[in-house]
Amino acid sequence: MTSSRKSLDTSDILHLEADVLVIGGGPSGAWSALSAAENGAKVVLVDKGYLGTSGTTAPSNTGTWCVAPGEDRAQIVERRWQRTGGLADPRWMLRCVDRAYENLLKLVEWGYPFPSDDDGKLYIANLRGPDYMAFMRRRVLLAGVTVLDHHPALELFSDGQAVSGAAGVDRQRGRDWRVDANAVVLATGGCAFHERILGATGLTGDGYLMAAEAGAILSGMEFTGKYTLAPHGSSLNKGLPFRWASFHREDGTAIMNSDGEPLMNGIGEREKEIARAMIEAPVYAVLDQAEPALQDWLRQGQPNCFVPYNRMGIDPFKEMFRVTFKAEGTVRGTGGIRVAGSDCATDVPGLYVAGDAASRENMTGSTSGGGAVNSSWAIASGWWSGQGASHYAKRNASRGAFRAVSKPLGEAGLRPAGSVKSGLTAKDVISSVQAEVLPLDKNYFRDGNRLEASREKLDGLWNDVRHHLAGEGPERLPAREAASIAAAGRWSLNAALARQESRGMHRRADFKATDQAFTRAVLVSGVDDIRIEAAPVENRRERA
């Protein structure tokens, strides 16, 4: 297998060849690149930002779902499965905890500075985001991976039989790039619909659109109802301190819960009541249920949670502050590109997926995996995808002629079907999508009529995007991001309409009960014409 740089006729285009191309520089992309390189592949990793600071892990601490081998391992997985709405697959959950644990031990072996507990034992269940990702960057470079920072991918290439590379733009040099590869891993993260949350600014669903244009299927896109409490006006999406909050109106009047008692604890069952109260009028909180010792623990354990309060100049344990719900789309939802093979292959030959770009239904079903499960999934799926892609590249190394016949697949936001309208901006497109998929009264509490109305609006918007949205040079990126967000919004609404029940993050006012007939995945495919298909019903628990 070879990797080399060569010049194209157009000298200002960077053109590389590799066995495996990894798109995305978060944890899953880093693990995927390491895994593929360990398997002998020549790897190129391109990132929209900078490998080491990109994604939601880099700016904060994250726990992992760390399960050591032992007799209680199956019971631990079983207890978590009970919280997944019956859609998770215990086989995948067991595989994930085993793979993630082995890779955490690799970090120990490589010298990652885990802290020690009171007994002097290494505590490997928590990763400090900035240190972790800086460490992963060094390991990726040490493994010989070619890293291209600030090189967002815009589209995939195909030779008609398989994905054969990708192309994008070098944001700093203002030139185009193209990488021909025998296999591609999409580790592009989820889609936060451009909601302002920590580390998610660049998570615009780019991988979903690229994969769908290649013919991939998505799954779980209806589970985008994950919201996290945050101080109003901040980008913080760390909800843990609200476990010890009480909630009030602006004049200090306590908001009462459904039992006629003061509303407290913003995590868990009371979340819905806070959401309903917020639809009616602004909600304020104070973390007055935390004892002094707990306050110190929170400040030391979650220091980034207190930055907004420090900026406001208030003591959140004594003073009220306005709160909001931050929508987290598929970042802490579960939707994404369907995983079609144990090596994280997709339904498209030569295309693999990892991390939040992949559907996490097998791991978390209809509920959010939060930070810990998603972190372990990023480690495990990254590793599997790198192995799978590198093996695929080896098997197809003789398919050298593919590069001569490869064609770009990108359309929406890149190659409009009609004339470009200068008045149609990426910003306007994103705002229009947000108006349909973020409000609590549309997305947290769903209703068939409202979903249908939103779908009609986004279908009309998509017609404009497909026919009239495009950018020139570096401006192709925001146009492509807007198209990706619009596509993700349409897939989410179509899947939400198809799931006529309530389950986990999917709350239908017109179908309040859970329907056993829907204990299956809702599959979505197509870009312009969206197709919905129900996966076969299976009792995953019994098959485990």
Protein backbone atom coordinates (compact mmCIF):
# COMPACT_ATOMS: atom_id res chain seq x y z
CA MET A 1 0.00 0.00 0.00
CA THR A 2 1.33 3.41 -0.91
CA SER A 3 0.80 7.03 -0.04
CA SER A 4 2.30 9.83 -2.03
CA ARG A 5 1.87 13.45 -2.97
CA LYS A 6 1.59 14.35 -6.60
CA SER A 7 0.70 17.43 -8.54
CA LEU A 8 -2.37 17.83 -10.64
CA ASP A 9 -2.52 19.92 -13.75
CA THR A 10 -3.82 22.72 -11.59
CA SER A 11 -0.80 23.42 -9.44
CA ASP A 12 -2.69 25.08 -6.62
CA ILE A 13 -4.67 21.94 -5.78
CA LEU A 14 -3.25 19.59 -3.16
CA HIS A 15 -3.69 16.01 -4.36
CA LEU A 16 -2.81 13.04 -2.16
CA GLU A 17 -3.23 9.29 -2.36
CA ALA A 18 -3.72 7.02 0.63
CA ASP A 19 -5.08 3.67 1.64
CA VAL A 20 -7.45 5.15 4.20
CA LEU A 21 -8.82 8.68 4.44
CA VAL A 22 -10.28 9.67 7.82
CA ILE A 23 -12.54 12.72 7.76
CA GLY A 24 -12.80 14.29 11.22
CA GLY A 25 -10.35 15.03 14.03
CA GLY A 26 -12.31 14.33 17.19
CA PRO A 27 -11.68 11.28 19.40
CA SER A 28 -13.26 8.77 17.01
CA GLY A 29 -11.29 10.11 14.06
CA ALA A 30 -8.05 9.97 16.02
CA TRP A 31 -8.69 6.38 17.15
CA SER A 32 -9.68 5.40 13.61
CA ALA A 33 -6.47 6.83 12.16
CA LEU A 34 -4.37 5.09 14.80
CA SER A 35 -6.12 1.78 14.22
CA ALA A 36 -5.73 1.93 10.44
CA ALA A 37 -2.07 2.92 10.73
CA GLU A 38 -1.42 0.08 13.18
CA ASN A 39 -2.84 -2.27 10.56
CA GLY A 40 -0.25 -1.10 8.05
CA ALA A 41 -2.32 1.41 6.11
CA LYS A 42 -1.06 4.74 4.88
CA VAL A 43 -3.51 7.18 6.38
CA VAL A 44 -4.51 10.76 5.75
CA LEU A 45 -6.67 12.55 8.32
CA VAL A 46 -8.41 15.78 7.34
CA ASP A 47 -10.18 17.96 9.85
CA LYS A 48 -12.43 20.96 9.57
CA GLY A 49 -10.61 22.44 12.55
CA TYR A 50 -7.46 21.34 14.36
CA LEU A 51 -6.88 17.77 15.49
CA GLY A 52 -6.53 18.23 19.24
CA THR A 53 -9.07 20.98 19.76
CA SER A 54 -11.94 19.93 17.48
CA GLY A 55 -15.24 18.54 18.73
CA THR A 56 -17.14 18.39 21.97
CA THR A 57 -14.56 16.39 23.93
CA ALA A 58 -11.61 18.78 23.62
CA PRO A 59 -13.00 21.72 25.66
CA SER A 60 -14.14 19.76 28.71
CA ASN A 61 -13.68 16.69 30.84
CA THR A 62 -15.50 13.51 29.92
CA GLY A 63 -16.17 10.29 31.71
CA THR A 64 -16.12 6.95 29.93
CA TRP A 65 -18.32 3.90 30.28
CA CYS A 66 -15.47 2.00 31.87
CA VAL A 67 -16.37 -1.62 32.65
CA ALA A 68 -13.52 -3.86 33.72
CA PRO A 69 -13.67 -7.56 32.84
CA GLY A 70 -15.43 -9.44 35.59
CA GLU A 71 -18.42 -11.46 36.62
CA ASP A 72 -20.68 -8.43 36.95
CA ARG A 73 -19.91 -7.12 33.45
CA ALA A 74 -23.07 -8.64 31.91
CA GLN A 75 -25.21 -7.31 34.76
CA ILE A 76 -23.83 -3.79 34.31
CA VAL A 77 -24.68 -3.88 30.61
CA GLU A 78 -28.11 -5.31 31.37
CA ARG A 79 -28.90 -2.47 33.79
CA ARG A 80 -28.01 0.13 31.20
CA TRP A 81 -29.94 -1.73 28.50
CA GLN A 82 -33.06 -1.35 30.64
CA ARG A 83 -32.78 2.41 30.04
CA THR A 84 -32.56 2.25 26.24
CA GLY A 85 -36.20 1.82 25.33
CA GLY A 86 -35.56 -1.67 24.05
CA LEU A 87 -33.77 -0.45 20.92
CA ALA A 88 -30.18 -1.02 21.98
CA ASP A 89 -28.34 -4.22 21.19
CA PRO A 90 -26.62 -5.85 24.20
CA ARG A 91 -24.15 -7.54 21.88
CA TRP A 92 -22.90 -4.18 20.66
CA MET A 93 -22.90 -2.79 24.19
CA LEU A 94 -20.70 -5.65 25.42
CA ARG A 95 -18.37 -5.29 22.45
CA CYS A 96 -18.10 -1.57 23.07
CA VAL A 97 -17.23 -1.77 26.76
CA ASP A 98 -14.63 -4.46 26.05
CA ARG A 99 -12.99 -2.55 23.19
CA ALA A 100 -13.08 0.77 25.05
CA TYR A 101 -11.55 -0.81 28.16
CA GLU A 102 -8.71 -2.34 26.11
CA ASN A 103 -8.02 1.01 24.50
CA LEU A 104 -8.05 2.83 27.84
CA LEU A 105 -5.32 0.39 28.86
CA LYS A 106 -3.48 1.33 25.67
CA LEU A 107 -3.56 4.92 26.87
CA VAL A 108 -1.98 3.77 30.13
CA GLU A 109 0.67 1.86 28.17
CA TRP A 110 1.36 4.89 25.98
CA GLY A 111 1.84 7.12 29.02
CA TYR A 112 -1.37 9.14 29.19
CA PRO A 113 -1.26 10.79 32.66
CA PHE A 114 -4.33 9.29 34.34
CA PRO A 115 -4.74 10.43 37.94
CA SER A 116 -4.55 8.02 40.88
CA ASP A 117 -7.32 7.40 43.39
CA ASP A 118 -6.97 7.49 47.17
CA ASP A 119 -5.50 3.94 47.12
CA GLY A 120 -2.87 4.87 44.57
CA LYS A 121 -4.56 3.02 41.71
CA LEU A 122 -4.85 4.67 38.32
CA TYR A 123 -8.31 6.10 37.71
CA ILE A 124 -8.96 5.45 34.01
CA ALA A 125 -12.69 6.19 33.86
CA ASN A 126 -12.26 9.89 33.21
CA LEU A 127 -10.45 11.81 30.48
CA ARG A 128 -9.48 15.46 30.68
CA GLY A 129 -10.55 16.69 27.27
CA PRO A 130 -7.74 19.14 26.43
CA ASP A 131 -5.01 16.76 27.67
CA TYR A 132 -6.64 13.72 26.06
CA MET A 133 -6.96 15.23 22.61
CA ALA A 134 -3.48 16.79 22.69
CA PHE A 135 -2.16 13.35 23.64
CA MET A 136 -4.10 11.71 20.80
CA ARG A 137 -2.71 14.22 18.31
CA ARG A 138 0.83 13.29 19.32
CA ARG A 139 0.04 9.58 18.98
CA VAL A 140 -1.53 10.06 15.55
CA LEU A 141 1.48 12.00 14.27
CA LEU A 142 3.85 9.45 15.84
CA ALA A 143 2.02 6.71 13.93
CA GLY A 144 2.94 8.40 10.65
CA VAL A 145 -0.52 9.67 9.78
CA THR A 146 -0.60 12.69 7.48
CA VAL A 147 -2.73 15.27 9.29
CA LEU A 148 -4.30 18.15 7.41
CA ASP A 149 -5.76 20.66 9.86
CA HIS A 150 -8.29 23.23 8.68
CA HIS A 151 -9.07 21.11 5.62
CA PRO A 152 -12.86 20.58 5.73
CA ALA A 153 -14.23 17.95 3.36
CA LEU A 154 -16.98 19.08 1.02
CA GLU A 155 -17.85 15.89 -0.85
CA LEU A 156 -17.04 12.25 -1.44
CA PHE A 157 -15.84 10.68 -4.68
CA SER A 158 -17.02 7.38 -6.13
CA ASP A 159 -15.80 5.19 -8.98
CA GLY A 160 -19.30 3.83 -9.46
CA GLN A 161 -18.69 0.76 -7.32
CA ALA A 162 -17.26 2.17 -4.11
CA VAL A 163 -16.29 5.39 -2.39
CA SER A 164 -12.87 6.37 -3.69
CA GLY A 165 -11.88 9.51 -1.81
CA ALA A 166 -13.01 13.00 -0.96
CA ALA A 167 -12.31 16.61 -1.75
CA GLY A 168 -12.52 19.88 0.13
CA VAL A 169 -10.90 23.19 0.77
CA ASP A 170 -7.76 24.27 2.61
CA ARG A 171 -9.13 27.16 4.61
CA GLN A 172 -5.78 28.74 5.43
CA ARG A 173 -4.25 28.64 1.94
CA GLY A 174 -7.49 29.10 0.04
CA ARG A 175 -6.80 26.14 -2.23
CA ASP A 176 -8.69 22.94 -2.96
CA TRP A 177 -7.58 19.50 -1.89
CA ARG A 178 -8.41 15.98 -3.01
CA VAL A 179 -7.44 12.65 -1.49
CA ASP A 180 -7.84 9.42 -3.47
CA ALA A 181 -8.26 6.51 -1.09
CA ASN A 182 -9.30 2.88 -1.16
CA ALA A 183 -11.49 3.43 1.91
CA VAL A 184 -12.94 6.45 3.72
CA VAL A 185 -13.97 6.79 7.37
CA LEU A 186 -16.53 9.46 8.25
CA ALA A 187 -15.83 10.70 11.77
CA THR A 188 -17.43 14.08 11.25
CA GLY A 189 -19.53 14.18 14.42
CA GLY A 190 -23.25 14.76 14.74
CA CYS A 191 -25.44 17.73 13.90
CA ALA A 192 -26.26 20.35 16.52
CA PHE A 193 -28.20 22.44 13.99
CA HIS A 194 -25.77 25.29 14.69
CA GLU A 195 -27.02 25.61 18.25
CA ARG A 196 -24.43 27.42 20.33
CA ILE A 197 -23.15 24.65 22.61
CA LEU A 198 -19.67 23.86 23.84
CA GLY A 199 -17.45 22.42 21.09
CA ALA A 200 -20.28 21.91 18.62
CA THR A 201 -19.98 24.94 16.36
CA GLY A 202 -18.50 22.86 13.57
CA LEU A 203 -20.86 19.92 13.99
CA THR A 204 -23.20 20.60 11.10
CA GLY A 205 -24.00 17.11 9.85
CA ASP A 206 -21.59 17.27 6.92
CA GLY A 207 -20.90 13.53 7.07
CA TYR A 208 -24.61 12.69 6.93
CA LEU A 209 -25.09 14.56 3.67
CA MET A 210 -21.92 13.17 2.11
CA ALA A 211 -22.92 9.63 3.08
CA ALA A 212 -26.51 10.01 1.88
CA GLU A 213 -25.31 11.33 -1.47
CA ALA A 214 -23.26 8.13 -1.76
CA GLY A 215 -26.32 6.02 -1.00
CA ALA A 216 -25.91 5.38 2.74
CA ILE A 217 -28.88 4.83 5.06
CA LEU A 218 -29.43 6.78 8.28
CA SER A 219 -31.08 5.49 11.42
CA GLY A 220 -32.47 6.97 14.62
CA MET A 221 -32.78 10.49 13.21
CA GLU A 222 -36.03 11.02 15.13
CA PHE A 223 -34.15 10.94 18.44
CA THR A 224 -33.06 14.57 18.42
CA GLY A 225 -35.05 15.62 21.48
CA LYS A 226 -32.10 15.86 23.87
CA TYR A 227 -31.91 19.24 25.62
CA THR A 228 -29.63 20.33 28.45
CA LEU A 229 -30.22 23.10 30.97
CA ALA A 230 -27.77 25.98 30.76
CA PRO A 231 -27.37 29.52 32.02
CA HIS A 232 -29.23 31.76 29.58
CA GLY A 233 -26.94 33.31 26.99
CA SER A 234 -24.08 30.85 27.52
CA SER A 235 -22.83 28.00 25.35
CA LEU A 236 -22.43 25.68 28.32
CA ASN A 237 -24.24 22.37 28.02
CA LYS A 238 -23.18 20.68 31.25
CA GLY A 239 -26.34 19.97 33.18
CA LEU A 240 -25.01 18.19 36.27
CA PRO A 241 -25.16 21.19 38.69
CA PHE A 242 -28.89 21.54 38.01
CA ARG A 243 -29.36 18.30 39.94
CA TRP A 244 -29.27 20.57 42.99
CA ALA A 245 -31.33 23.48 41.61
CA SER A 246 -34.70 24.95 42.50
CA PHE A 247 -36.68 26.80 39.85
CA HIS A 248 -38.51 30.10 39.99
CA ARG A 249 -40.11 32.91 38.04
CA GLU A 250 -38.30 36.21 37.64
CA ASP A 251 -39.98 37.68 40.74
CA GLY A 252 -38.68 34.81 42.87
CA THR A 253 -41.95 32.90 43.02
CA ALA A 254 -41.29 29.18 43.22
CA ILE A 255 -42.51 27.15 40.24
CA MET A 256 -44.62 24.25 41.47
CA ASN A 257 -44.32 20.73 40.12
CA SER A 258 -47.19 18.42 39.17
CA ASP A 259 -47.41 17.27 42.79
CA GLY A 260 -47.94 20.84 44.02
CA GLU A 261 -44.44 21.12 45.49
CA PRO A 262 -41.58 23.50 44.59
CA LEU A 263 -39.92 22.35 41.38
CA MET A 264 -36.40 21.07 42.01
CA ASN A 265 -33.78 18.88 40.34
CA GLY A 266 -33.45 19.73 36.64
CA ILE A 267 -32.27 16.26 35.71
CA GLY A 268 -34.53 13.31 35.15
CA GLU A 269 -38.28 13.13 35.51
CA ARG A 270 -38.79 16.82 36.31
CA GLU A 271 -37.12 17.97 33.09
CA LYS A 272 -40.43 17.91 31.21
CA GLU A 273 -42.07 20.16 33.78
CA ILE A 274 -39.26 22.70 33.50
CA ALA A 275 -39.62 22.62 29.71
CA ARG A 276 -43.36 23.25 29.98
CA ALA A 277 -42.77 26.12 32.41
CA MET A 278 -40.19 27.63 30.06
CA ILE A 279 -42.61 27.61 27.14
CA GLU A 280 -44.98 29.73 29.25
CA ALA A 281 -42.46 32.25 30.61
CA PRO A 282 -38.76 32.68 31.45
CA VAL A 283 -37.45 30.31 34.13
CA TYR A 284 -34.82 31.13 36.74
CA ALA A 285 -32.75 28.77 38.88
CA VAL A 286 -30.56 28.80 41.95
CA LEU A 287 -28.35 25.88 42.98
CA ASP A 288 -29.49 26.17 46.58
CA GLN A 289 -29.97 22.43 47.19
CA ALA A 290 -26.20 21.80 47.20
CA GLU A 291 -24.58 21.55 50.61
CA PRO A 292 -21.31 23.50 51.12
CA ALA A 293 -19.15 20.38 50.72
CA LEU A 294 -20.93 19.54 47.51
CA GLN A 295 -20.51 23.09 46.26
CA ASP A 296 -16.73 22.76 46.68
CA TRP A 297 -16.79 19.38 44.89
CA LEU A 298 -18.76 20.82 41.98
CA ARG A 299 -16.44 23.80 41.62
CA GLN A 300 -13.36 21.57 41.65
CA GLY A 301 -14.78 18.72 39.55
CA GLN A 302 -16.63 20.82 36.98
CA PRO A 303 -14.70 24.10 36.84
CA ASN A 304 -15.90 24.97 33.33
CA CYS A 305 -19.50 24.86 34.57
CA PHE A 306 -18.86 27.94 36.67
CA VAL A 307 -17.24 30.16 34.05
CA PRO A 308 -20.59 31.72 32.99
CA TYR A 309 -21.47 32.55 36.61
CA ASN A 310 -18.05 34.08 37.19
CA ARG A 311 -18.56 36.23 34.12
CA MET A 312 -22.00 37.28 35.39
CA GLY A 313 -20.50 38.05 38.78
CA ILE A 314 -22.99 35.94 40.72
CA ASP A 315 -22.85 33.09 43.20
CA PRO A 316 -25.13 30.46 41.60
CA PHE A 317 -25.57 28.73 44.97
CA LYS A 318 -27.20 31.84 46.42
CA GLU A 319 -28.41 34.03 43.57
CA MET A 320 -31.02 33.36 40.87
CA PHE A 321 -30.08 33.35 37.22
CA ARG A 322 -32.12 32.81 34.07
CA VAL A 323 -31.81 29.38 32.43
CA THR A 324 -32.50 27.97 29.00
CA PHE A 325 -32.56 24.58 27.32
CA LYS A 326 -29.82 24.00 24.77
CA ALA A 327 -30.83 21.62 21.97
CA GLU A 328 -28.13 19.06 21.21
CA GLY A 329 -29.46 17.54 17.99
CA THR A 330 -27.79 14.25 17.20
CA VAL A 331 -24.66 15.14 19.19
CA ARG A 332 -26.27 13.75 22.32
CA GLY A 333 -29.15 12.28 20.43
CA THR A 334 -28.66 8.92 18.83
CA GLY A 335 -29.26 9.41 15.11
CA GLY A 336 -26.65 9.05 12.40
CA ILE A 337 -25.38 6.91 9.56
CA ARG A 338 -26.48 3.30 9.94
CA VAL A 339 -23.76 0.91 11.00
CA ALA A 340 -24.17 -2.04 8.66
CA GLY A 341 -21.26 -4.22 9.77
CA SER A 342 -19.35 -5.17 12.91
CA ASP A 343 -16.37 -3.22 11.56
CA CYS A 344 -18.50 -0.05 11.32
CA ALA A 345 -19.00 -0.42 7.57
CA THR A 346 -21.92 1.51 6.15
CA ASP A 347 -24.28 0.36 3.41
CA VAL A 348 -21.87 1.83 0.83
CA PRO A 349 -18.77 -0.17 -0.20
CA GLY A 350 -15.56 1.49 0.95
CA LEU A 351 -17.32 3.84 3.39
CA TYR A 352 -16.99 3.45 7.18
CA VAL A 353 -18.32 5.50 10.06
CA ALA A 354 -17.31 6.27 13.65
CA GLY A 355 -18.35 8.30 16.67
CA ASP A 356 -21.33 10.62 16.56
CA ALA A 357 -21.47 10.45 12.77
CA ALA A 358 -22.76 6.92 13.28
CA SER A 359 -26.14 5.99 14.68
CA ARG A 360 -25.76 5.04 18.34
CA GLU A 361 -29.06 3.18 18.58
CA ASN A 362 -27.17 -0.06 19.15
CA MET A 363 -25.64 1.51 22.25
CA THR A 364 -28.26 3.82 23.71
CA GLY A 365 -31.53 3.05 21.90
CA SER A 366 -33.98 5.92 22.23
CA THR A 367 -32.16 7.68 25.06
CA SER A 368 -29.09 9.85 25.18
CA GLY A 369 -25.78 8.20 25.90
CA GLY A 370 -24.56 11.41 27.51
CA GLY A 371 -20.83 11.92 27.76
CA ALA A 372 -19.69 8.57 29.13
CA VAL A 373 -21.28 6.12 26.69
CA ASN A 374 -20.62 8.40 23.73
CA SER A 375 -16.99 8.69 24.79
CA SER A 376 -16.55 4.92 24.94
CA TRP A 377 -18.40 4.54 21.65
CA ALA A 378 -16.01 7.05 20.04
CA ILE A 379 -13.05 4.98 21.22
CA ALA A 380 -14.50 1.63 20.16
CA SER A 381 -16.13 2.64 16.88
CA GLY A 382 -13.05 4.62 15.94
CA TRP A 383 -10.90 1.55 16.45
CA TRP A 384 -13.25 -0.78 14.57
CA SER A 385 -13.69 1.60 11.64
CA GLY A 386 -9.94 2.00 11.24
CA GLN A 387 -9.48 -1.77 11.25
CA GLY A 388 -12.36 -2.28 8.85
CA ALA A 389 -11.27 0.44 6.44
CA SER A 390 -7.65 -0.72 6.37
CA HIS A 391 -8.66 -4.34 5.72
CA TYR A 392 -10.97 -3.16 2.94
CA ALA A 393 -8.16 -1.09 1.46
CA LYS A 394 -5.87 -4.13 1.46
CA ARG A 395 -8.47 -6.28 -0.26
CA ASN A 396 -8.99 -3.64 -2.92
CA ALA A 397 -5.43 -2.40 -3.33
CA SER A 398 -5.36 -3.59 -6.93
CA ARG A 399 -8.34 -1.41 -7.84
CA GLY A 400 -5.90 1.24 -9.03
CA ALA A 401 -7.86 2.27 -12.07
CA PHE A 402 -10.64 3.67 -9.93
CA ARG A 403 -9.03 7.06 -9.69
CA ALA A 404 -9.34 7.65 -13.43
CA VAL A 405 -13.09 7.20 -13.37
CA SER A 406 -13.92 8.65 -9.97
CA LYS A 407 -16.52 11.36 -9.89
CA PRO A 408 -17.58 13.84 -7.21
CA LEU A 409 -20.90 13.15 -5.51
CA GLY A 410 -21.66 16.51 -3.88
CA GLU A 411 -24.68 18.45 -5.10
CA ALA A 412 -26.61 20.49 -2.52
CA GLY A 413 -24.75 23.69 -1.68
CA LEU A 414 -22.06 22.93 -4.26
CA ARG A 415 -23.70 22.39 -7.62
CA PRO A 416 -27.18 23.94 -7.61
CA ALA A 417 -29.73 22.61 -10.06
CA GLY A 418 -30.70 26.16 -11.05
CA SER A 419 -29.32 29.67 -10.98
CA VAL A 420 -27.73 30.94 -7.78
CA LYS A 421 -29.80 33.43 -5.80
CA SER A 422 -27.59 35.96 -4.07
CA GLY A 423 -30.35 36.69 -1.58
CA LEU A 424 -30.38 33.09 -0.34
CA THR A 425 -27.65 32.98 2.28
CA ALA A 426 -26.34 30.12 4.39
CA LYS A 427 -27.21 32.08 7.52
CA ASP A 428 -30.82 32.48 6.43
CA VAL A 429 -31.11 28.77 5.60
CA ILE A 430 -29.78 27.77 9.03
CA SER A 431 -32.12 30.19 10.80
CA SER A 432 -35.08 28.74 8.91
CA VAL A 433 -34.12 25.20 9.91
CA GLN A 434 -33.58 26.18 13.53
CA ALA A 435 -37.06 27.70 13.67
CA GLU A 436 -38.52 24.25 12.93
CA VAL A 437 -36.23 21.84 14.82
CA LEU A 438 -35.09 23.68 17.97
CA PRO A 439 -38.10 25.26 19.78
CA LEU A 440 -39.31 23.30 22.80
CA ASP A 441 -42.94 23.43 21.65
CA LYS A 442 -42.00 21.87 18.30
CA ASN A 443 -39.20 19.45 19.06
CA TYR A 444 -39.23 18.64 22.78
CA PHE A 445 -43.01 18.19 22.78
CA ARG A 446 -43.94 16.84 19.37
CA ASP A 447 -47.28 16.66 17.62
CA GLY A 448 -48.13 15.24 14.22
CA ASN A 449 -49.70 18.44 12.91
CA ARG A 450 -46.76 20.59 13.97
CA LEU A 451 -44.27 18.07 12.60
CA GLU A 452 -46.11 17.99 9.29
CA ALA A 453 -46.16 21.78 9.08
CA SER A 454 -42.43 21.91 9.80
CA ARG A 455 -41.75 19.23 7.22
CA GLU A 456 -43.61 21.21 4.56
CA LYS A 457 -41.58 24.32 5.39
CA LEU A 458 -38.28 22.48 5.21
CA ASP A 459 -39.27 20.75 1.97
CA GLY A 460 -39.85 24.20 0.47
CA LEU A 461 -36.56 25.41 1.91
CA TRP A 462 -34.78 22.37 0.49
CA ASN A 463 -36.09 23.17 -2.97
CA ASP A 464 -34.42 26.57 -2.70
CA VAL A 465 -31.21 25.04 -1.34
CA ARG A 466 -30.97 22.47 -4.12
CA HIS A 467 -31.70 24.94 -6.89
CA HIS A 468 -30.22 28.20 -5.72
CA LEU A 469 -27.65 27.89 -2.89
CA ALA A 470 -23.92 27.82 -3.64
CA GLY A 471 -20.73 29.63 -2.75
CA GLU A 472 -17.47 30.38 -4.48
CA GLY A 473 -14.04 29.42 -3.14
CA PRO A 474 -13.99 29.26 0.66
CA GLU A 475 -17.66 30.29 0.74
CA ARG A 476 -18.53 26.81 -0.48
CA LEU A 477 -18.05 25.62 3.11
CA PRO A 478 -20.83 27.67 4.76
CA ALA A 479 -23.13 26.86 1.84
CA ARG A 480 -22.40 23.16 2.22
CA GLU A 481 -22.85 23.34 6.01
CA ALA A 482 -26.22 25.02 5.58
CA ALA A 483 -27.27 22.34 3.10
CA SER A 484 -26.17 19.64 5.54
CA ILE A 485 -28.16 21.19 8.38
CA ALA A 486 -31.24 21.50 6.16
CA ALA A 487 -30.90 17.87 5.09
CA ALA A 488 -30.51 16.69 8.69
CA GLY A 489 -33.58 18.66 9.69
CA ARG A 490 -35.66 17.02 6.96
CA TRP A 491 -34.46 13.53 7.89
CA SER A 492 -35.25 14.19 11.55
CA LEU A 493 -38.77 15.45 10.84
CA ASN A 494 -39.60 12.61 8.46
CA ALA A 495 -38.40 10.01 10.94
CA ALA A 496 -40.29 11.72 13.79
CA LEU A 497 -43.51 11.62 11.77
CA ALA A 498 -42.98 7.95 10.98
CA ARG A 499 -42.48 6.92 14.62
CA GLN A 500 -46.09 7.18 15.80
CA GLU A 501 -45.46 6.55 19.47
CA SER A 502 -43.51 8.07 22.37
CA ARG A 503 -40.20 6.49 23.32
CA GLY A 504 -37.19 8.04 25.04
CA MET A 505 -36.28 11.38 23.54
CA HIS A 506 -39.16 11.14 21.07
CA ARG A 507 -42.25 12.59 22.79
CA ARG A 508 -45.46 12.66 20.73
CA ALA A 509 -48.45 14.42 22.27
CA ASP A 510 -50.71 12.61 19.78
CA PHE A 511 -49.17 9.20 20.48
CA LYS A 512 -48.28 9.29 24.17
CA ALA A 513 -47.81 5.57 24.72
CA THR A 514 -44.94 3.34 23.72
CA ASP A 515 -46.02 0.93 20.99
CA GLN A 516 -44.26 -2.43 20.88
CA ALA A 517 -44.76 -2.48 17.11
CA PHE A 518 -42.18 0.30 16.98
CA THR A 519 -39.48 -1.61 18.82
CA ARG A 520 -37.42 -1.30 15.69
CA ALA A 521 -35.29 1.27 13.95
CA VAL A 522 -36.72 3.83 11.55
CA LEU A 523 -34.42 3.97 8.53
CA VAL A 524 -34.11 7.06 6.34
CA SER A 525 -32.45 7.39 2.96
CA GLY A 526 -32.44 9.71 -0.02
CA VAL A 527 -31.52 13.35 -0.33
CA ASP A 528 -34.14 15.04 -2.50
CA ASP A 529 -36.78 12.34 -2.24
CA ILE A 530 -36.69 10.94 1.28
CA ARG A 531 -37.55 7.29 1.80
CA ILE A 532 -38.67 5.82 5.11
CA GLU A 533 -38.34 2.16 5.96
CA ALA A 534 -38.91 0.22 9.17
CA ALA A 535 -36.17 -2.17 10.17
CA PRO A 536 -37.31 -5.73 10.98
CA VAL A 537 -38.55 -6.30 14.51
CA GLU A 538 -36.16 -8.34 16.61
CA ASN A 539 -35.80 -9.16 20.26
CA ARG A 540 -32.24 -8.03 20.68
CA ARG A 541 -32.18 -8.86 24.35
CA GLU A 542 -32.92 -12.53 23.72
CA ARG A 543 -30.36 -12.73 20.93
CA ALA A 544 -27.60 -11.36 23.17
